[in-house]
Amino acid sequence: FNADNIRGTAEIIGNDFKGIFHIDDPRFKGRLDVDVAGADVRTDVDLESGRIETILPSLAIELPLTGSASGRFRYDNKEGVMEYKGDFSGRDSFRCSKI
């Protein structure tokens, strides 16, 4: 997604990438750590506040949820196997259109 304000640091060595990004946007406020080693990807999300309908699709998670949230998430894709972990809480009403 596009954000209003991003600052961070990035490092590329060969095919590997490491980045730390601080994002300040109405839909996402927090920190993203991205580590890519060859085909393996790890993304850590430390969400101060954000819109769940923006964040989940950005992590390739398709759930019919909307609302404000905060929390920590980890996305791993190692050897083509995706794994998601995280804890979050909602600040206002969460809505689920259908499951």
N, C-alpha and C. Protein backbone atom coordinates (compact mmCIF):
# COMPACT_ATOMS: atom_id res chain seq x y z
N PHE A 1 0.84 -1.19 0.00
CA PHE A 1 0.00 0.00 0.00
C PHE A 1 0.87 1.24 0.00
N ASN A 2 0.31 2.34 -0.38
CA ASN A 2 1.02 3.62 -0.36
C ASN A 2 0.82 4.27 1.01
N ALA A 3 1.85 4.96 1.48
CA ALA A 3 1.76 5.60 2.80
C ALA A 3 2.14 7.07 2.68
N ASP A 4 1.57 7.89 3.60
CA ASP A 4 1.86 9.32 3.60
C ASP A 4 3.30 9.63 3.98
N ASN A 5 3.86 8.89 4.94
CA ASN A 5 5.19 9.21 5.45
C ASN A 5 5.91 7.92 5.84
N ILE A 6 7.06 7.67 5.20
CA ILE A 6 7.89 6.51 5.54
C ILE A 6 9.33 6.98 5.67
N ARG A 7 9.99 6.52 6.73
CA ARG A 7 11.43 6.73 6.85
C ARG A 7 12.04 5.41 7.27
N GLY A 8 13.28 5.19 6.90
CA GLY A 8 13.86 3.92 7.25
C GLY A 8 15.27 3.76 6.75
N THR A 9 15.79 2.57 6.95
CA THR A 9 17.11 2.21 6.47
C THR A 9 17.00 0.89 5.73
N ALA A 10 17.86 0.73 4.74
CA ALA A 10 17.84 -0.50 3.95
C ALA A 10 19.27 -0.89 3.60
N GLU A 11 19.47 -2.20 3.46
CA GLU A 11 20.78 -2.72 3.10
C GLU A 11 20.58 -3.85 2.09
N ILE A 12 21.34 -3.80 1.01
CA ILE A 12 21.30 -4.85 0.01
C ILE A 12 22.71 -5.40 -0.14
N ILE A 13 22.83 -6.71 0.04
CA ILE A 13 24.10 -7.40 -0.14
C ILE A 13 23.82 -8.61 -1.01
N GLY A 14 24.32 -8.57 -2.22
CA GLY A 14 24.03 -9.65 -3.17
C GLY A 14 22.54 -9.72 -3.43
N ASN A 15 21.94 -10.88 -3.16
CA ASN A 15 20.50 -11.06 -3.34
C ASN A 15 19.73 -10.88 -2.04
N ASP A 16 20.42 -10.48 -0.98
CA ASP A 16 19.77 -10.33 0.32
C ASP A 16 19.40 -8.87 0.58
N PHE A 17 18.29 -8.67 1.28
CA PHE A 17 17.78 -7.33 1.59
C PHE A 17 17.37 -7.28 3.05
N LYS A 18 17.74 -6.21 3.72
CA LYS A 18 17.26 -5.96 5.08
C LYS A 18 16.78 -4.52 5.14
N GLY A 19 15.62 -4.32 5.74
CA GLY A 19 15.09 -2.97 5.86
C GLY A 19 14.30 -2.80 7.14
N ILE A 20 14.40 -1.60 7.70
CA ILE A 20 13.60 -1.20 8.85
C ILE A 20 12.89 0.08 8.44
N PHE A 21 11.57 0.06 8.53
CA PHE A 21 10.76 1.18 8.05
C PHE A 21 9.81 1.64 9.14
N HIS A 22 9.77 2.94 9.36
CA HIS A 22 8.83 3.56 10.29
C HIS A 22 7.78 4.25 9.43
N ILE A 23 6.54 3.86 9.62
CA ILE A 23 5.45 4.33 8.76
C ILE A 23 4.47 5.13 9.59
N ASP A 24 4.08 6.29 9.06
CA ASP A 24 3.09 7.15 9.71
C ASP A 24 2.03 7.50 8.68
N ASP A 25 0.91 6.81 8.75
CA ASP A 25 -0.17 6.96 7.81
C ASP A 25 -1.47 6.70 8.57
N PRO A 26 -2.60 7.31 8.18
CA PRO A 26 -3.85 7.04 8.89
C PRO A 26 -4.25 5.56 8.88
N ARG A 27 -3.81 4.81 7.86
CA ARG A 27 -4.17 3.40 7.75
C ARG A 27 -3.16 2.47 8.41
N PHE A 28 -1.95 2.99 8.70
CA PHE A 28 -0.89 2.17 9.31
C PHE A 28 0.12 3.09 9.99
N LYS A 29 0.25 2.93 11.31
CA LYS A 29 1.28 3.66 12.03
C LYS A 29 2.07 2.64 12.84
N GLY A 30 3.36 2.53 12.53
CA GLY A 30 4.19 1.56 13.24
C GLY A 30 5.48 1.28 12.50
N ARG A 31 6.05 0.12 12.79
CA ARG A 31 7.36 -0.26 12.26
C ARG A 31 7.26 -1.58 11.51
N LEU A 32 7.96 -1.63 10.39
CA LEU A 32 8.07 -2.84 9.58
C LEU A 32 9.54 -3.22 9.48
N ASP A 33 9.87 -4.45 9.81
CA ASP A 33 11.21 -4.99 9.60
C ASP A 33 11.10 -6.06 8.52
N VAL A 34 11.89 -5.93 7.46
CA VAL A 34 11.84 -6.85 6.34
C VAL A 34 13.22 -7.47 6.16
N ASP A 35 13.24 -8.79 6.04
CA ASP A 35 14.50 -9.52 5.85
C ASP A 35 14.28 -10.53 4.74
N VAL A 36 14.99 -10.35 3.63
CA VAL A 36 14.89 -11.25 2.48
C VAL A 36 16.26 -11.88 2.26
N ALA A 37 16.31 -13.21 2.31
CA ALA A 37 17.54 -13.95 2.06
C ALA A 37 17.24 -14.97 0.96
N GLY A 38 17.67 -14.66 -0.24
CA GLY A 38 17.32 -15.52 -1.38
C GLY A 38 15.82 -15.50 -1.59
N ALA A 39 15.19 -16.68 -1.53
CA ALA A 39 13.74 -16.77 -1.71
C ALA A 39 12.98 -16.70 -0.38
N ASP A 40 13.71 -16.68 0.74
CA ASP A 40 13.07 -16.65 2.06
C ASP A 40 12.80 -15.21 2.49
N VAL A 41 11.60 -15.00 3.06
CA VAL A 41 11.19 -13.66 3.48
C VAL A 41 10.66 -13.72 4.92
N ARG A 42 11.09 -12.75 5.73
CA ARG A 42 10.52 -12.58 7.06
C ARG A 42 10.14 -11.11 7.19
N THR A 43 8.90 -10.87 7.63
CA THR A 43 8.42 -9.51 7.87
C THR A 43 7.85 -9.46 9.28
N ASP A 44 8.39 -8.55 10.08
CA ASP A 44 7.86 -8.30 11.42
C ASP A 44 7.14 -6.96 11.40
N VAL A 45 5.92 -6.95 11.89
CA VAL A 45 5.09 -5.76 11.92
C VAL A 45 4.81 -5.40 13.38
N ASP A 46 5.20 -4.20 13.77
CA ASP A 46 4.87 -3.68 15.10
C ASP A 46 3.90 -2.53 14.86
N LEU A 47 2.63 -2.83 14.99
CA LEU A 47 1.56 -1.91 14.62
C LEU A 47 1.09 -1.11 15.82
N GLU A 48 1.34 0.18 15.79
CA GLU A 48 0.83 1.06 16.84
C GLU A 48 -0.67 1.27 16.66
N SER A 49 -1.05 1.54 15.43
CA SER A 49 -2.47 1.65 15.08
C SER A 49 -2.61 1.52 13.57
N GLY A 50 -3.73 0.98 13.15
CA GLY A 50 -3.94 0.84 11.71
C GLY A 50 -5.27 0.20 11.39
N ARG A 51 -5.55 0.17 10.11
CA ARG A 51 -6.77 -0.42 9.60
C ARG A 51 -6.49 -1.86 9.19
N ILE A 52 -7.19 -2.79 9.79
CA ILE A 52 -6.96 -4.21 9.55
C ILE A 52 -7.21 -4.58 8.08
N GLU A 53 -8.14 -3.88 7.43
CA GLU A 53 -8.43 -4.16 6.02
C GLU A 53 -7.31 -3.70 5.10
N THR A 54 -6.39 -2.87 5.59
CA THR A 54 -5.20 -2.47 4.84
C THR A 54 -4.05 -3.43 5.11
N ILE A 55 -3.89 -3.81 6.36
CA ILE A 55 -2.73 -4.58 6.79
C ILE A 55 -2.78 -6.04 6.34
N LEU A 56 -3.90 -6.72 6.58
CA LEU A 56 -3.96 -8.15 6.25
C LEU A 56 -3.72 -8.43 4.77
N PRO A 57 -4.37 -7.73 3.83
CA PRO A 57 -4.08 -8.00 2.42
C PRO A 57 -2.62 -7.70 2.05
N SER A 58 -1.99 -6.74 2.73
CA SER A 58 -0.58 -6.46 2.46
C SER A 58 0.31 -7.64 2.83
N LEU A 59 -0.16 -8.49 3.74
CA LEU A 59 0.56 -9.70 4.14
C LEU A 59 0.01 -10.94 3.42
N ALA A 60 -0.79 -10.72 2.39
CA ALA A 60 -1.40 -11.80 1.61
C ALA A 60 -2.36 -12.65 2.45
N ILE A 61 -3.01 -12.01 3.44
CA ILE A 61 -4.03 -12.68 4.26
C ILE A 61 -5.38 -12.13 3.83
N GLU A 62 -6.20 -12.98 3.26
CA GLU A 62 -7.50 -12.56 2.76
C GLU A 62 -8.59 -12.98 3.74
N LEU A 63 -8.95 -12.09 4.65
CA LEU A 63 -10.06 -12.30 5.57
C LEU A 63 -11.00 -11.10 5.47
N PRO A 64 -12.30 -11.32 5.60
CA PRO A 64 -13.27 -10.23 5.44
C PRO A 64 -13.43 -9.41 6.73
N LEU A 65 -12.33 -8.89 7.28
CA LEU A 65 -12.38 -8.11 8.51
C LEU A 65 -12.08 -6.65 8.23
N THR A 66 -12.74 -5.77 8.97
CA THR A 66 -12.47 -4.34 8.90
C THR A 66 -12.44 -3.79 10.32
N GLY A 67 -11.75 -2.68 10.50
CA GLY A 67 -11.70 -2.04 11.81
C GLY A 67 -10.29 -1.61 12.16
N SER A 68 -10.17 -0.89 13.27
CA SER A 68 -8.87 -0.42 13.75
C SER A 68 -8.25 -1.48 14.65
N ALA A 69 -6.91 -1.57 14.60
CA ALA A 69 -6.22 -2.58 15.40
C ALA A 69 -4.83 -2.10 15.78
N SER A 70 -4.26 -2.77 16.76
CA SER A 70 -2.85 -2.60 17.10
C SER A 70 -2.32 -3.98 17.47
N GLY A 71 -1.01 -4.16 17.39
CA GLY A 71 -0.44 -5.45 17.76
C GLY A 71 0.83 -5.75 17.02
N ARG A 72 1.26 -7.00 17.14
CA ARG A 72 2.48 -7.47 16.50
C ARG A 72 2.18 -8.70 15.66
N PHE A 73 2.75 -8.71 14.46
CA PHE A 73 2.57 -9.80 13.53
C PHE A 73 3.92 -10.23 12.99
N ARG A 74 4.03 -11.50 12.62
CA ARG A 74 5.21 -11.98 11.91
C ARG A 74 4.73 -12.82 10.74
N TYR A 75 5.31 -12.53 9.57
CA TYR A 75 5.05 -13.29 8.36
C TYR A 75 6.37 -13.92 7.93
N ASP A 76 6.38 -15.24 7.77
CA ASP A 76 7.54 -15.96 7.28
C ASP A 76 7.16 -16.72 6.02
N ASN A 77 8.01 -16.66 5.03
CA ASN A 77 7.88 -17.49 3.84
C ASN A 77 9.23 -18.14 3.63
N LYS A 78 9.34 -19.38 4.06
CA LYS A 78 10.60 -20.10 3.97
C LYS A 78 10.40 -21.34 3.12
N GLU A 79 11.18 -21.41 2.06
CA GLU A 79 11.09 -22.53 1.11
C GLU A 79 9.66 -22.71 0.60
N GLY A 80 8.96 -21.59 0.39
CA GLY A 80 7.60 -21.62 -0.15
C GLY A 80 6.51 -21.92 0.85
N VAL A 81 6.87 -22.10 2.13
CA VAL A 81 5.87 -22.38 3.17
C VAL A 81 5.61 -21.07 3.93
N MET A 82 4.37 -20.60 3.89
CA MET A 82 4.00 -19.35 4.56
C MET A 82 3.51 -19.63 5.97
N GLU A 83 3.93 -18.78 6.90
CA GLU A 83 3.50 -18.90 8.29
C GLU A 83 3.23 -17.50 8.83
N TYR A 84 2.11 -17.36 9.54
CA TYR A 84 1.73 -16.09 10.16
C TYR A 84 1.56 -16.31 11.65
N LYS A 85 2.07 -15.37 12.43
CA LYS A 85 1.87 -15.39 13.87
C LYS A 85 1.58 -13.97 14.30
N GLY A 86 0.81 -13.81 15.37
CA GLY A 86 0.60 -12.46 15.86
C GLY A 86 -0.49 -12.35 16.88
N ASP A 87 -0.44 -11.24 17.56
CA ASP A 87 -1.46 -10.86 18.52
C ASP A 87 -1.91 -9.46 18.18
N PHE A 88 -3.20 -9.23 18.25
CA PHE A 88 -3.69 -7.87 18.00
C PHE A 88 -4.94 -7.63 18.83
N SER A 89 -5.26 -6.36 18.98
CA SER A 89 -6.50 -5.98 19.64
C SER A 89 -7.16 -4.88 18.83
N GLY A 90 -8.47 -4.82 18.91
CA GLY A 90 -9.23 -3.82 18.17
C GLY A 90 -9.59 -2.64 19.04
N ARG A 91 -9.54 -1.44 18.44
CA ARG A 91 -9.86 -0.22 19.17
C ARG A 91 -11.32 0.18 19.00
N ASP A 92 -11.89 -0.18 17.89
CA ASP A 92 -13.31 0.09 17.68
C ASP A 92 -13.95 -1.20 17.19
N SER A 93 -15.14 -1.13 16.72
CA SER A 93 -15.81 -2.37 16.33
C SER A 93 -15.14 -3.00 15.12
N PHE A 94 -14.92 -4.29 15.24
CA PHE A 94 -14.44 -5.11 14.14
C PHE A 94 -15.66 -5.60 13.38
N ARG A 95 -15.56 -5.64 12.09
CA ARG A 95 -16.67 -6.12 11.29
C ARG A 95 -16.18 -7.28 10.43
N CYS A 96 -17.03 -8.25 10.30
CA CYS A 96 -16.75 -9.40 9.44
C CYS A 96 -17.88 -9.50 8.43
N SER A 97 -17.57 -9.34 7.15
CA SER A 97 -18.62 -9.36 6.15
C SER A 97 -19.12 -10.78 5.89
N LYS A 98 -18.23 -11.76 5.91
CA LYS A 98 -18.61 -13.17 5.79
C LYS A 98 -17.37 -14.04 5.94
N ILE A 99 -17.59 -15.25 6.37
CA ILE A 99 -16.46 -16.19 6.49
C ILE A 99 -16.79 -17.43 5.70
